[in-house]
């Protein structure tokens, strides 16, 4: 295991893989445990959003948004699991 700080790309990749894994787990549980209290607990999401952001320059106009992030308990668990797997591999 290397000693010292890791590159930011490593953390961004682990974060992205974790959110994808957590989103997949959340979608599966929404499908199979939708009526149970456990399914509602694990699949409850918080969705912060940003935007729309409007940039008006003389030459062009750009509007981006709204951008939102859907975070659930399983998404956070997916990030933790991806971090431990990536830490053991690298």
N, C-alpha and C. Protein backbone atom coordinates (compact mmCIF):
# COMPACT_ATOMS: atom_id res chain seq x y z
N UNK A 1 0.85 -1.17 0.00
CA UNK A 1 0.00 0.00 0.00
C UNK A 1 0.89 1.23 0.00
N UNK A 2 0.65 2.17 -0.94
CA UNK A 2 1.50 3.36 -0.99
C UNK A 2 1.25 4.29 0.19
N UNK A 3 2.32 4.93 0.62
CA UNK A 3 2.21 5.88 1.72
C UNK A 3 2.17 7.28 1.12
N UNK A 4 1.35 8.14 1.68
CA UNK A 4 1.24 9.51 1.20
C UNK A 4 -0.15 9.77 0.65
N UNK A 5 -0.39 11.00 0.24
CA UNK A 5 -1.73 11.36 -0.26
C UNK A 5 -2.01 10.73 -1.62
N UNK A 6 -3.25 10.37 -1.82
CA UNK A 6 -3.67 9.83 -3.11
C UNK A 6 -4.05 10.98 -4.03
N UNK A 7 -4.10 10.68 -5.29
CA UNK A 7 -4.48 11.69 -6.26
C UNK A 7 -5.98 11.98 -6.17
N UNK A 8 -6.39 13.19 -6.49
CA UNK A 8 -7.82 13.53 -6.47
C UNK A 8 -8.63 12.70 -7.45
N UNK A 9 -8.03 12.25 -8.53
CA UNK A 9 -8.74 11.42 -9.50
C UNK A 9 -9.20 10.11 -8.85
N UNK A 10 -8.38 9.57 -7.96
CA UNK A 10 -8.75 8.35 -7.25
C UNK A 10 -10.03 8.57 -6.45
N UNK A 11 -10.10 9.65 -5.71
CA UNK A 11 -11.28 9.91 -4.88
C UNK A 11 -12.51 10.22 -5.72
N UNK A 12 -12.34 10.94 -6.80
CA UNK A 12 -13.48 11.23 -7.67
C UNK A 12 -14.00 9.95 -8.32
N UNK A 13 -13.10 9.08 -8.74
CA UNK A 13 -13.51 7.80 -9.34
C UNK A 13 -14.22 6.93 -8.33
N UNK A 14 -13.70 6.85 -7.12
CA UNK A 14 -14.35 6.05 -6.08
C UNK A 14 -15.72 6.62 -5.75
N UNK A 15 -15.83 7.93 -5.67
CA UNK A 15 -17.11 8.56 -5.38
C UNK A 15 -18.12 8.27 -6.49
N UNK A 16 -17.71 8.38 -7.74
CA UNK A 16 -18.61 8.10 -8.86
C UNK A 16 -19.03 6.64 -8.88
N UNK A 17 -18.08 5.73 -8.68
CA UNK A 17 -18.43 4.30 -8.67
C UNK A 17 -19.36 3.99 -7.51
N UNK A 18 -19.14 4.61 -6.38
CA UNK A 18 -20.00 4.37 -5.22
C UNK A 18 -21.42 4.85 -5.44
N UNK A 19 -21.58 6.02 -6.04
CA UNK A 19 -22.93 6.51 -6.31
C UNK A 19 -23.64 5.66 -7.35
N UNK A 20 -22.90 5.16 -8.34
CA UNK A 20 -23.52 4.27 -9.32
C UNK A 20 -23.95 2.96 -8.66
N UNK A 21 -23.08 2.40 -7.84
CA UNK A 21 -23.41 1.17 -7.13
C UNK A 21 -24.59 1.38 -6.17
N UNK A 22 -24.58 2.47 -5.44
CA UNK A 22 -25.68 2.77 -4.53
C UNK A 22 -26.98 3.04 -5.25
N UNK A 23 -26.91 3.72 -6.39
CA UNK A 23 -28.11 3.95 -7.18
C UNK A 23 -28.70 2.66 -7.72
N UNK A 24 -27.83 1.75 -8.13
CA UNK A 24 -28.29 0.45 -8.60
C UNK A 24 -28.96 -0.34 -7.47
N UNK A 25 -28.33 -0.35 -6.30
CA UNK A 25 -28.93 -1.03 -5.16
C UNK A 25 -30.26 -0.40 -4.75
N UNK A 26 -30.33 0.91 -4.80
CA UNK A 26 -31.55 1.61 -4.45
C UNK A 26 -32.67 1.28 -5.44
N UNK A 27 -32.35 1.24 -6.73
CA UNK A 27 -33.35 0.91 -7.74
C UNK A 27 -33.84 -0.53 -7.58
N UNK A 28 -32.94 -1.44 -7.26
CA UNK A 28 -33.35 -2.83 -7.04
C UNK A 28 -34.26 -2.97 -5.83
N UNK A 29 -33.91 -2.29 -4.74
CA UNK A 29 -34.75 -2.38 -3.55
C UNK A 29 -36.09 -1.68 -3.75
N UNK A 30 -36.12 -0.60 -4.51
CA UNK A 30 -37.40 0.05 -4.80
C UNK A 30 -38.33 -0.90 -5.54
N UNK A 31 -37.75 -1.72 -6.39
CA UNK A 31 -38.56 -2.65 -7.18
C UNK A 31 -39.06 -3.82 -6.34
N UNK A 32 -38.21 -4.38 -5.48
CA UNK A 32 -38.57 -5.60 -4.77
C UNK A 32 -39.10 -5.38 -3.36
N UNK A 33 -38.77 -4.28 -2.70
CA UNK A 33 -39.23 -4.03 -1.33
C UNK A 33 -40.09 -2.78 -1.23
N UNK A 34 -40.83 -2.45 -2.27
CA UNK A 34 -41.52 -1.17 -2.33
C UNK A 34 -42.59 -1.02 -1.26
N UNK A 35 -43.27 -2.08 -0.85
CA UNK A 35 -44.38 -1.95 0.10
C UNK A 35 -43.95 -2.10 1.55
N UNK A 36 -42.73 -2.54 1.80
CA UNK A 36 -42.32 -2.80 3.17
C UNK A 36 -41.70 -1.55 3.81
N UNK A 37 -41.74 -1.47 5.14
CA UNK A 37 -41.09 -0.34 5.82
C UNK A 37 -39.57 -0.31 5.60
N UNK A 38 -38.94 -1.48 5.51
CA UNK A 38 -37.50 -1.52 5.26
C UNK A 38 -37.18 -0.95 3.88
N UNK A 39 -38.00 -1.26 2.91
CA UNK A 39 -37.79 -0.71 1.57
C UNK A 39 -37.94 0.79 1.54
N UNK A 40 -38.92 1.32 2.25
CA UNK A 40 -39.09 2.77 2.31
C UNK A 40 -37.93 3.43 3.04
N UNK A 41 -37.41 2.80 4.11
CA UNK A 41 -36.30 3.36 4.87
C UNK A 41 -35.04 3.46 4.02
N UNK A 42 -34.69 2.38 3.34
CA UNK A 42 -33.45 2.35 2.57
C UNK A 42 -33.53 3.14 1.27
N UNK A 43 -34.72 3.33 0.73
CA UNK A 43 -34.84 4.01 -0.56
C UNK A 43 -35.33 5.44 -0.45
N UNK A 44 -35.49 5.97 0.76
CA UNK A 44 -35.84 7.38 0.92
C UNK A 44 -34.68 8.22 0.43
N UNK A 45 -34.98 9.19 -0.42
CA UNK A 45 -33.91 9.97 -1.03
C UNK A 45 -34.03 11.45 -0.66
N UNK A 46 -32.90 12.12 -0.68
CA UNK A 46 -32.82 13.57 -0.55
C UNK A 46 -32.27 14.05 -1.89
N UNK A 47 -32.92 15.04 -2.47
CA UNK A 47 -32.51 15.51 -3.79
C UNK A 47 -32.22 17.00 -3.76
N UNK A 48 -30.98 17.39 -3.44
CA UNK A 48 -30.63 18.81 -3.55
C UNK A 48 -30.43 19.16 -5.01
N UNK A 49 -30.80 20.38 -5.38
CA UNK A 49 -30.64 20.79 -6.78
C UNK A 49 -30.03 22.18 -6.85
N UNK A 50 -29.43 22.45 -7.96
CA UNK A 50 -28.77 23.72 -8.22
C UNK A 50 -29.21 24.19 -9.59
N UNK A 51 -29.70 25.40 -9.66
CA UNK A 51 -29.98 25.93 -10.98
C UNK A 51 -31.40 26.36 -11.18
N UNK A 52 -31.74 26.77 -12.30
CA UNK A 52 -30.87 26.90 -13.48
C UNK A 52 -29.92 28.08 -13.36
N UNK A 53 -28.75 27.91 -13.92
CA UNK A 53 -27.73 28.95 -13.93
C UNK A 53 -27.73 29.57 -15.32
N UNK A 54 -27.90 30.86 -15.36
CA UNK A 54 -28.01 31.57 -16.64
C UNK A 54 -26.80 32.48 -16.81
N UNK A 55 -26.08 32.29 -17.90
CA UNK A 55 -24.91 33.10 -18.22
C UNK A 55 -25.19 33.84 -19.52
N UNK A 56 -25.30 35.14 -19.45
CA UNK A 56 -25.62 35.94 -20.63
C UNK A 56 -24.42 36.81 -20.99
N UNK A 57 -23.73 36.40 -22.04
CA UNK A 57 -22.62 37.19 -22.57
C UNK A 57 -23.10 37.86 -23.86
N UNK A 58 -22.35 38.77 -24.34
CA UNK A 58 -22.78 39.50 -25.54
C UNK A 58 -22.81 38.59 -26.76
N UNK A 59 -21.87 37.69 -26.86
CA UNK A 59 -21.77 36.83 -28.03
C UNK A 59 -22.74 35.65 -27.96
N UNK A 60 -22.90 35.05 -26.78
CA UNK A 60 -23.80 33.91 -26.64
C UNK A 60 -24.43 33.88 -25.26
N UNK A 61 -25.47 33.09 -25.16
CA UNK A 61 -26.18 32.90 -23.89
C UNK A 61 -26.15 31.42 -23.55
N UNK A 62 -25.88 31.11 -22.30
CA UNK A 62 -25.80 29.72 -21.85
C UNK A 62 -26.64 29.55 -20.60
N UNK A 63 -27.50 28.54 -20.62
CA UNK A 63 -28.30 28.20 -19.45
C UNK A 63 -28.04 26.74 -19.10
N UNK A 64 -27.63 26.49 -17.88
CA UNK A 64 -27.35 25.14 -17.41
C UNK A 64 -28.24 24.86 -16.22
N UNK A 65 -28.90 23.72 -16.25
CA UNK A 65 -29.63 23.32 -15.06
C UNK A 65 -31.06 23.02 -15.31
N UNK A 66 -31.76 22.66 -14.33
CA UNK A 66 -31.27 22.42 -12.97
C UNK A 66 -30.48 21.10 -12.87
N UNK A 67 -29.47 21.12 -12.07
CA UNK A 67 -28.65 19.95 -11.82
C UNK A 67 -29.00 19.44 -10.43
N UNK A 68 -29.34 18.17 -10.32
CA UNK A 68 -29.72 17.63 -9.02
C UNK A 68 -28.97 16.34 -8.76
N UNK A 69 -28.82 16.03 -7.50
CA UNK A 69 -28.15 14.81 -7.05
C UNK A 69 -29.11 14.06 -6.15
N UNK A 70 -29.38 12.82 -6.49
CA UNK A 70 -30.32 12.00 -5.73
C UNK A 70 -29.51 11.11 -4.78
N UNK A 71 -29.58 11.40 -3.49
CA UNK A 71 -28.78 10.70 -2.49
C UNK A 71 -29.70 9.92 -1.57
N UNK A 72 -29.39 8.64 -1.39
CA UNK A 72 -30.13 7.80 -0.46
C UNK A 72 -29.14 7.11 0.47
N UNK A 73 -29.66 6.41 1.44
CA UNK A 73 -28.80 5.67 2.37
C UNK A 73 -27.98 4.62 1.61
N UNK A 74 -28.60 3.97 0.64
CA UNK A 74 -27.87 2.97 -0.13
C UNK A 74 -26.79 3.59 -1.01
N UNK A 75 -26.98 4.83 -1.46
CA UNK A 75 -25.93 5.51 -2.23
C UNK A 75 -24.72 5.78 -1.35
N UNK A 76 -24.97 6.19 -0.12
CA UNK A 76 -23.86 6.43 0.82
C UNK A 76 -23.16 5.11 1.15
N UNK A 77 -23.92 4.05 1.36
CA UNK A 77 -23.31 2.74 1.60
C UNK A 77 -22.54 2.26 0.38
N UNK A 78 -23.01 2.58 -0.82
CA UNK A 78 -22.28 2.23 -2.03
C UNK A 78 -20.96 2.96 -2.12
N UNK A 79 -20.92 4.22 -1.71
CA UNK A 79 -19.67 4.98 -1.71
C UNK A 79 -18.68 4.37 -0.71
N UNK A 80 -19.16 4.01 0.45
CA UNK A 80 -18.30 3.39 1.47
C UNK A 80 -17.75 2.05 0.97
N UNK A 81 -18.63 1.24 0.38
CA UNK A 81 -18.19 -0.06 -0.15
C UNK A 81 -17.18 0.11 -1.28
N UNK A 82 -17.41 1.06 -2.18
CA UNK A 82 -16.47 1.30 -3.28
C UNK A 82 -15.13 1.79 -2.75
N UNK A 83 -15.15 2.60 -1.70
CA UNK A 83 -13.89 3.08 -1.13
C UNK A 83 -13.09 1.92 -0.55
N UNK A 84 -13.74 1.03 0.20
CA UNK A 84 -13.00 -0.09 0.79
C UNK A 84 -12.47 -1.04 -0.28
N UNK A 85 -13.24 -1.28 -1.32
CA UNK A 85 -12.77 -2.15 -2.40
C UNK A 85 -11.60 -1.49 -3.13
N UNK A 86 -11.71 -0.20 -3.44
CA UNK A 86 -10.63 0.48 -4.14
C UNK A 86 -9.38 0.59 -3.28
N UNK A 87 -9.56 0.79 -2.00
CA UNK A 87 -8.42 0.88 -1.09
C UNK A 87 -7.69 -0.46 -1.00
N UNK A 88 -8.43 -1.56 -1.04
CA UNK A 88 -7.78 -2.88 -0.97
C UNK A 88 -7.10 -3.23 -2.28
N UNK A 89 -7.61 -2.73 -3.39
CA UNK A 89 -6.99 -3.03 -4.69
C UNK A 89 -5.76 -2.18 -4.92
N UNK A 90 -5.86 -0.88 -4.62
CA UNK A 90 -4.75 0.03 -4.90
C UNK A 90 -3.97 0.25 -3.65
